[in-house]
Amino acid sequence: MEAEQPVRRASRAFVVFVVAMVAVMVFPLFAIGNRIEPMVLGLPFSMVWVVSWILIEFVVLVGFFLYEYGGSR
């Protein structure tokens, strides 16, 4: 019989990160980046705002993964 894996709970830092990521993508914090000017690489600033937060989210999630499962595979 296989041993059951213990139930893993989300860390407080991860929960705070997820709430922060949702906050910057919805009103009222999205209003900071919700404009057309300045154009960045030909893209409106609002699109650059969303893409940059997605890239930041990716980097932080990789960091959480490496912290959680770093050397144990």
PDB file of N, CA and C in Angstrom:
ATOM      1  N   MET A   1       0.830  -1.182   0.000  1.00  0.00           N
ATOM      2  CA  MET A   1       0.000   0.000   0.000  1.00  0.00           C
ATOM      3  C   MET A   1       0.874   1.244   0.000  1.00  0.00           C
ATOM      4  N   GLU A   2       0.435   2.224  -0.716  1.00  0.00           N
ATOM      5  CA  GLU A   2       1.161   3.481  -0.770  1.00  0.00           C
ATOM      6  C   GLU A   2       0.807   4.330   0.448  1.00  0.00           C
ATOM      7  N   ALA A   3       1.819   4.991   0.973  1.00  0.00           N
ATOM      8  CA  ALA A   3       1.575   5.898   2.086  1.00  0.00           C
ATOM      9  C   ALA A   3       0.931   7.175   1.552  1.00  0.00           C
ATOM     10  N   GLU A   4      -0.027   7.674   2.293  1.00  0.00           N
ATOM     11  CA  GLU A   4      -0.702   8.890   1.865  1.00  0.00           C
ATOM     12  C   GLU A   4       0.195  10.090   2.079  1.00  0.00           C
ATOM     13  N   GLN A   5       0.171  10.990   1.103  1.00  0.00           N
ATOM     14  CA  GLN A   5       0.921  12.226   1.217  1.00  0.00           C
ATOM     15  C   GLN A   5       0.199  13.147   2.200  1.00  0.00           C
ATOM     16  N   PRO A   6       0.950  13.818   3.059  1.00  0.00           N
ATOM     17  CA  PRO A   6       0.281  14.771   3.954  1.00  0.00           C
ATOM     18  C   PRO A   6      -0.300  15.935   3.156  1.00  0.00           C
ATOM     19  N   VAL A   7      -1.376  16.482   3.640  1.00  0.00           N
ATOM     20  CA  VAL A   7      -2.017  17.606   2.967  1.00  0.00           C
ATOM     21  C   VAL A   7      -1.137  18.835   3.152  1.00  0.00           C
ATOM     22  N   ARG A   8      -0.795  19.460   2.033  1.00  0.00           N
ATOM     23  CA  ARG A   8       0.059  20.651   2.079  1.00  0.00           C
ATOM     24  C   ARG A   8      -0.833  21.882   2.109  1.00  0.00           C
ATOM     25  N   ARG A   9      -0.454  22.828   2.939  1.00  0.00           N
ATOM     26  CA  ARG A   9      -1.209  24.070   3.041  1.00  0.00           C
ATOM     27  C   ARG A   9      -0.396  25.200   2.424  1.00  0.00           C
ATOM     28  N   ALA A  10      -1.072  26.159   1.871  1.00  0.00           N
ATOM     29  CA  ALA A  10      -0.400  27.308   1.268  1.00  0.00           C
ATOM     30  C   ALA A  10       0.240  28.149   2.368  1.00  0.00           C
ATOM     31  N   SER A  11       1.450  28.606   2.112  1.00  0.00           N
ATOM     32  CA  SER A  11       2.125  29.449   3.092  1.00  0.00           C
ATOM     33  C   SER A  11       1.500  30.834   3.091  1.00  0.00           C
ATOM     34  N   ARG A  12       1.692  31.564   4.160  1.00  0.00           N
ATOM     35  CA  ARG A  12       1.130  32.902   4.273  1.00  0.00           C
ATOM     36  C   ARG A  12       1.709  33.820   3.200  1.00  0.00           C
ATOM     37  N   ALA A  13       3.007  33.676   2.899  1.00  0.00           N
ATOM     38  CA  ALA A  13       3.634  34.505   1.870  1.00  0.00           C
ATOM     39  C   ALA A  13       2.986  34.267   0.511  1.00  0.00           C
ATOM     40  N   PHE A  14       2.664  33.009   0.196  1.00  0.00           N
ATOM     41  CA  PHE A  14       2.032  32.705  -1.087  1.00  0.00           C
ATOM     42  C   PHE A  14       0.637  33.316  -1.163  1.00  0.00           C
ATOM     43  N   VAL A  15      -0.111  33.230  -0.087  1.00  0.00           N
ATOM     44  CA  VAL A  15      -1.458  33.807  -0.070  1.00  0.00           C
ATOM     45  C   VAL A  15      -1.395  35.321  -0.251  1.00  0.00           C
ATOM     46  N   VAL A  16      -0.460  35.968   0.436  1.00  0.00           N
ATOM     47  CA  VAL A  16      -0.299  37.419   0.294  1.00  0.00           C
ATOM     48  C   VAL A  16       0.090  37.758  -1.148  1.00  0.00           C
ATOM     49  N   PHE A  17       0.969  36.967  -1.741  1.00  0.00           N
ATOM     50  CA  PHE A  17       1.378  37.192  -3.127  1.00  0.00           C
ATOM     51  C   PHE A  17       0.186  37.072  -4.082  1.00  0.00           C
ATOM     52  N   VAL A  18      -0.624  36.045  -3.919  1.00  0.00           N
ATOM     53  CA  VAL A  18      -1.777  35.844  -4.808  1.00  0.00           C
ATOM     54  C   VAL A  18      -2.768  37.006  -4.663  1.00  0.00           C
ATOM     55  N   VAL A  19      -3.025  37.435  -3.440  1.00  0.00           N
ATOM     56  CA  VAL A  19      -3.941  38.558  -3.226  1.00  0.00           C
ATOM     57  C   VAL A  19      -3.367  39.826  -3.866  1.00  0.00           C
ATOM     58  N   ALA A  20      -2.059  40.048  -3.735  1.00  0.00           N
ATOM     59  CA  ALA A  20      -1.429  41.229  -4.342  1.00  0.00           C
ATOM     60  C   ALA A  20      -1.518  41.172  -5.857  1.00  0.00           C
ATOM     61  N   MET A  21      -1.316  40.015  -6.449  1.00  0.00           N
ATOM     62  CA  MET A  21      -1.391  39.889  -7.911  1.00  0.00           C
ATOM     63  C   MET A  21      -2.806  40.147  -8.411  1.00  0.00           C
ATOM     64  N   VAL A  22      -3.797  39.686  -7.691  1.00  0.00           N
ATOM     65  CA  VAL A  22      -5.183  39.965  -8.078  1.00  0.00           C
ATOM     66  C   VAL A  22      -5.462  41.456  -7.935  1.00  0.00           C
ATOM     67  N   ALA A  23      -4.939  42.062  -6.881  1.00  0.00           N
ATOM     68  CA  ALA A  23      -5.200  43.484  -6.629  1.00  0.00           C
ATOM     69  C   ALA A  23      -4.634  44.379  -7.739  1.00  0.00           C
ATOM     70  N   VAL A  24      -3.444  44.069  -8.248  1.00  0.00           N
ATOM     71  CA  VAL A  24      -2.865  44.945  -9.273  1.00  0.00           C
ATOM     72  C   VAL A  24      -3.516  44.750 -10.639  1.00  0.00           C
ATOM     73  N   MET A  25      -4.274  43.698 -10.808  1.00  0.00           N
ATOM     74  CA  MET A  25      -4.918  43.453 -12.101  1.00  0.00           C
ATOM     75  C   MET A  25      -6.375  43.930 -12.154  1.00  0.00           C
ATOM     76  N   VAL A  26      -6.946  44.347 -11.027  1.00  0.00           N
ATOM     77  CA  VAL A  26      -8.337  44.802 -11.015  1.00  0.00           C
ATOM     78  C   VAL A  26      -8.403  46.214 -10.445  1.00  0.00           C
ATOM     79  N   PHE A  27      -9.519  46.864 -10.682  1.00  0.00           N
ATOM     80  CA  PHE A  27      -9.750  48.193 -10.142  1.00  0.00           C
ATOM     81  C   PHE A  27      -9.698  48.110  -8.626  1.00  0.00           C
ATOM     82  N   PRO A  28      -9.133  49.033  -7.920  1.00  0.00           N
ATOM     83  CA  PRO A  28      -8.649  50.355  -8.234  1.00  0.00           C
ATOM     84  C   PRO A  28      -7.165  50.415  -8.567  1.00  0.00           C
ATOM     85  N   LEU A  29      -6.373  49.361  -8.286  1.00  0.00           N
ATOM     86  CA  LEU A  29      -4.936  49.451  -8.543  1.00  0.00           C
ATOM     87  C   LEU A  29      -4.602  49.398 -10.029  1.00  0.00           C
ATOM     88  N   PHE A  30      -5.445  48.794 -10.837  1.00  0.00           N
ATOM     89  CA  PHE A  30      -5.195  48.775 -12.270  1.00  0.00           C
ATOM     90  C   PHE A  30      -5.284  50.178 -12.851  1.00  0.00           C
ATOM     91  N   ALA A  31      -6.005  51.065 -12.170  1.00  0.00           N
ATOM     92  CA  ALA A  31      -6.148  52.445 -12.641  1.00  0.00           C
ATOM     93  C   ALA A  31      -4.796  53.154 -12.724  1.00  0.00           C
ATOM     94  N   ILE A  32      -3.810  52.702 -11.955  1.00  0.00           N
ATOM     95  CA  ILE A  32      -2.470  53.281 -12.018  1.00  0.00           C
ATOM     96  C   ILE A  32      -1.875  53.082 -13.414  1.00  0.00           C
ATOM     97  N   GLY A  33      -2.064  51.906 -13.972  1.00  0.00           N
ATOM     98  CA  GLY A  33      -1.477  51.601 -15.272  1.00  0.00           C
ATOM     99  C   GLY A  33      -2.443  51.688 -16.432  1.00  0.00           C
ATOM    100  N   ASN A  34      -3.666  52.108 -16.191  1.00  0.00           N
ATOM    101  CA  ASN A  34      -4.692  52.117 -17.224  1.00  0.00           C
ATOM    102  C   ASN A  34      -4.647  53.417 -18.022  1.00  0.00           C
ATOM    103  N   ARG A  35      -3.686  53.492 -18.950  1.00  0.00           N
ATOM    104  CA  ARG A  35      -3.565  54.646 -19.841  1.00  0.00           C
ATOM    105  C   ARG A  35      -2.856  54.201 -21.114  1.00  0.00           C
ATOM    106  N   ILE A  36      -2.979  54.999 -22.123  1.00  0.00           N
ATOM    107  CA  ILE A  36      -2.358  54.659 -23.397  1.00  0.00           C
ATOM    108  C   ILE A  36      -0.926  55.174 -23.451  1.00  0.00           C
ATOM    109  N   GLU A  37      -0.729  56.413 -23.039  1.00  0.00           N
ATOM    110  CA  GLU A  37       0.608  57.017 -23.064  1.00  0.00           C
ATOM    111  C   GLU A  37       1.311  56.750 -21.751  1.00  0.00           C
ATOM    112  N   PRO A  38       2.555  56.503 -21.677  1.00  0.00           N
ATOM    113  CA  PRO A  38       3.549  56.477 -22.732  1.00  0.00           C
ATOM    114  C   PRO A  38       3.523  55.138 -23.463  1.00  0.00           C
ATOM    115  N   MET A  39       3.852  55.165 -24.720  1.00  0.00           N
ATOM    116  CA  MET A  39       3.966  53.935 -25.498  1.00  0.00           C
ATOM    117  C   MET A  39       5.321  53.307 -25.170  1.00  0.00           C
ATOM    118  N   VAL A  40       5.330  52.011 -24.952  1.00  0.00           N
ATOM    119  CA  VAL A  40       6.561  51.287 -24.641  1.00  0.00           C
ATOM    120  C   VAL A  40       6.716  50.200 -25.695  1.00  0.00           C
ATOM    121  N   LEU A  41       7.770  50.300 -26.494  1.00  0.00           N
ATOM    122  CA  LEU A  41       8.014  49.369 -27.606  1.00  0.00           C
ATOM    123  C   LEU A  41       6.796  49.269 -28.521  1.00  0.00           C
ATOM    124  N   GLY A  42       6.095  50.365 -28.706  1.00  0.00           N
ATOM    125  CA  GLY A  42       4.936  50.399 -29.583  1.00  0.00           C
ATOM    126  C   GLY A  42       3.659  49.869 -28.959  1.00  0.00           C
ATOM    127  N   LEU A  43       3.705  49.502 -27.687  1.00  0.00           N
ATOM    128  CA  LEU A  43       2.523  48.979 -26.996  1.00  0.00           C
ATOM    129  C   LEU A  43       1.994  50.034 -26.028  1.00  0.00           C
ATOM    130  N   PRO A  44       0.672  50.093 -25.871  1.00  0.00           N
ATOM    131  CA  PRO A  44       0.129  51.021 -24.892  1.00  0.00           C
ATOM    132  C   PRO A  44       0.561  50.622 -23.474  1.00  0.00           C
ATOM    133  N   PHE A  45       0.666  51.621 -22.595  1.00  0.00           N
ATOM    134  CA  PHE A  45       1.176  51.376 -21.262  1.00  0.00           C
ATOM    135  C   PHE A  45       0.332  50.359 -20.502  1.00  0.00           C
ATOM    136  N   SER A  46      -0.979  50.344 -20.726  1.00  0.00           N
ATOM    137  CA  SER A  46      -1.823  49.393 -20.001  1.00  0.00           C
ATOM    138  C   SER A  46      -1.463  47.947 -20.352  1.00  0.00           C
ATOM    139  N   MET A  47      -1.089  47.699 -21.600  1.00  0.00           N
ATOM    140  CA  MET A  47      -0.685  46.350 -21.984  1.00  0.00           C
ATOM    141  C   MET A  47       0.669  46.003 -21.367  1.00  0.00           C
ATOM    142  N   VAL A  48       1.584  46.965 -21.366  1.00  0.00           N
ATOM    143  CA  VAL A  48       2.891  46.756 -20.743  1.00  0.00           C
ATOM    144  C   VAL A  48       2.716  46.480 -19.247  1.00  0.00           C
ATOM    145  N   TRP A  49       1.765  47.186 -18.612  1.00  0.00           N
ATOM    146  CA  TRP A  49       1.463  46.985 -17.191  1.00  0.00           C
ATOM    147  C   TRP A  49       1.073  45.528 -16.935  1.00  0.00           C
ATOM    148  N   VAL A  50       0.145  45.007 -17.722  1.00  0.00           N
ATOM    149  CA  VAL A  50      -0.332  43.633 -17.531  1.00  0.00           C
ATOM    150  C   VAL A  50       0.777  42.629 -17.825  1.00  0.00           C
ATOM    151  N   VAL A  51       1.497  42.798 -18.933  1.00  0.00           N
ATOM    152  CA  VAL A  51       2.557  41.854 -19.297  1.00  0.00           C
ATOM    153  C   VAL A  51       3.668  41.859 -18.256  1.00  0.00           C
ATOM    154  N   SER A  52       4.025  43.034 -17.747  1.00  0.00           N
ATOM    155  CA  SER A  52       5.088  43.083 -16.741  1.00  0.00           C
ATOM    156  C   SER A  52       4.672  42.382 -15.456  1.00  0.00           C
ATOM    157  N   TRP A  53       3.425  42.525 -15.044  1.00  0.00           N
ATOM    158  CA  TRP A  53       2.981  41.823 -13.835  1.00  0.00           C
ATOM    159  C   TRP A  53       2.905  40.317 -14.059  1.00  0.00           C
ATOM    160  N   ILE A  54       2.582  39.882 -15.256  1.00  0.00           N
ATOM    161  CA  ILE A  54       2.585  38.448 -15.555  1.00  0.00           C
ATOM    162  C   ILE A  54       4.005  37.902 -15.482  1.00  0.00           C
ATOM    163  N   LEU A  55       4.978  38.649 -16.012  1.00  0.00           N
ATOM    164  CA  LEU A  55       6.376  38.216 -15.926  1.00  0.00           C
ATOM    165  C   LEU A  55       6.866  38.195 -14.479  1.00  0.00           C
ATOM    166  N   ILE A  56       6.496  39.201 -13.695  1.00  0.00           N
ATOM    167  CA  ILE A  56       6.858  39.214 -12.274  1.00  0.00           C
ATOM    168  C   ILE A  56       6.226  38.017 -11.567  1.00  0.00           C
ATOM    169  N   GLU A  57       4.974  37.720 -11.879  1.00  0.00           N
ATOM    170  CA  GLU A  57       4.295  36.583 -11.281  1.00  0.00           C
ATOM    171  C   GLU A  57       5.012  35.281 -11.612  1.00  0.00           C
ATOM    172  N   PHE A  58       5.447  35.124 -12.846  1.00  0.00           N
ATOM    173  CA  PHE A  58       6.158  33.916 -13.255  1.00  0.00           C
ATOM    174  C   PHE A  58       7.445  33.742 -12.450  1.00  0.00           C
ATOM    175  N   VAL A  59       8.216  34.808 -12.337  1.00  0.00           N
ATOM    176  CA  VAL A  59       9.491  34.739 -11.616  1.00  0.00           C
ATOM    177  C   VAL A  59       9.260  34.392 -10.143  1.00  0.00           C
ATOM    178  N   VAL A  60       8.275  35.020  -9.529  1.00  0.00           N
ATOM    179  CA  VAL A  60       8.007  34.759  -8.110  1.00  0.00           C
ATOM    180  C   VAL A  60       7.480  33.340  -7.910  1.00  0.00           C
ATOM    181  N   LEU A  61       6.630  32.859  -8.806  1.00  0.00           N
ATOM    182  CA  LEU A  61       6.133  31.489  -8.678  1.00  0.00           C
ATOM    183  C   LEU A  61       7.249  30.461  -8.855  1.00  0.00           C
ATOM    184  N   VAL A  62       8.195  30.722  -9.740  1.00  0.00           N
ATOM    185  CA  VAL A  62       9.364  29.841  -9.860  1.00  0.00           C
ATOM    186  C   VAL A  62      10.156  29.864  -8.557  1.00  0.00           C
ATOM    187  N   GLY A  63      10.284  31.041  -7.964  1.00  0.00           N
ATOM    188  CA  GLY A  63      10.961  31.146  -6.676  1.00  0.00           C
ATOM    189  C   GLY A  63      10.254  30.361  -5.582  1.00  0.00           C
ATOM    190  N   PHE A  64       8.923  30.457  -5.519  1.00  0.00           N
ATOM    191  CA  PHE A  64       8.166  29.668  -4.544  1.00  0.00           C
ATOM    192  C   PHE A  64       8.365  28.174  -4.776  1.00  0.00           C
ATOM    193  N   PHE A  65       8.341  27.771  -6.038  1.00  0.00           N
ATOM    194  CA  PHE A  65       8.522  26.356  -6.351  1.00  0.00           C
ATOM    195  C   PHE A  65       9.898  25.871  -5.916  1.00  0.00           C
ATOM    196  N   LEU A  66      10.937  26.635  -6.245  1.00  0.00           N
ATOM    197  CA  LEU A  66      12.300  26.231  -5.863  1.00  0.00           C
ATOM    198  C   LEU A  66      12.477  26.222  -4.345  1.00  0.00           C
ATOM    199  N   TYR A  67      11.843  27.157  -3.667  1.00  0.00           N
ATOM    200  CA  TYR A  67      11.906  27.179  -2.202  1.00  0.00           C
ATOM    201  C   TYR A  67      11.235  25.950  -1.609  1.00  0.00           C
ATOM    202  N   GLU A  68      10.074  25.604  -2.176  1.00  0.00           N
ATOM    203  CA  GLU A  68       9.293  24.495  -1.650  1.00  0.00           C
ATOM    204  C   GLU A  68       9.882  23.133  -2.004  1.00  0.00           C
ATOM    205  N   TYR A  69      10.279  22.962  -3.255  1.00  0.00           N
ATOM    206  CA  TYR A  69      10.738  21.647  -3.738  1.00  0.00           C
ATOM    207  C   TYR A  69      12.196  21.656  -4.173  1.00  0.00           C
ATOM    208  N   GLY A  70      12.953  22.648  -3.791  1.00  0.00           N
ATOM    209  CA  GLY A  70      14.313  22.886  -4.242  1.00  0.00           C
ATOM    210  C   GLY A  70      15.169  21.677  -4.519  1.00  0.00           C
ATOM    211  N   GLY A  71      15.623  20.970  -3.509  1.00  0.00           N
ATOM    212  CA  GLY A  71      16.558  19.882  -3.755  1.00  0.00           C
ATOM    213  C   GLY A  71      15.945  18.504  -3.639  1.00  0.00           C
ATOM    214  N   SER A  72      14.670  18.415  -3.376  1.00  0.00           N
ATOM    215  CA  SER A  72      14.068  17.084  -3.155  1.00  0.00           C
ATOM    216  C   SER A  72      13.225  16.657  -4.345  1.00  0.00           C
ATOM    217  N   ARG A  73      13.820  15.870  -5.192  1.00  0.00           N
ATOM    218  CA  ARG A  73      13.063  15.331  -6.334  1.00  0.00           C
ATOM    219  C   ARG A  73      13.353  13.868  -6.442  1.00  0.00           C
TER     220      ARG A  73
END
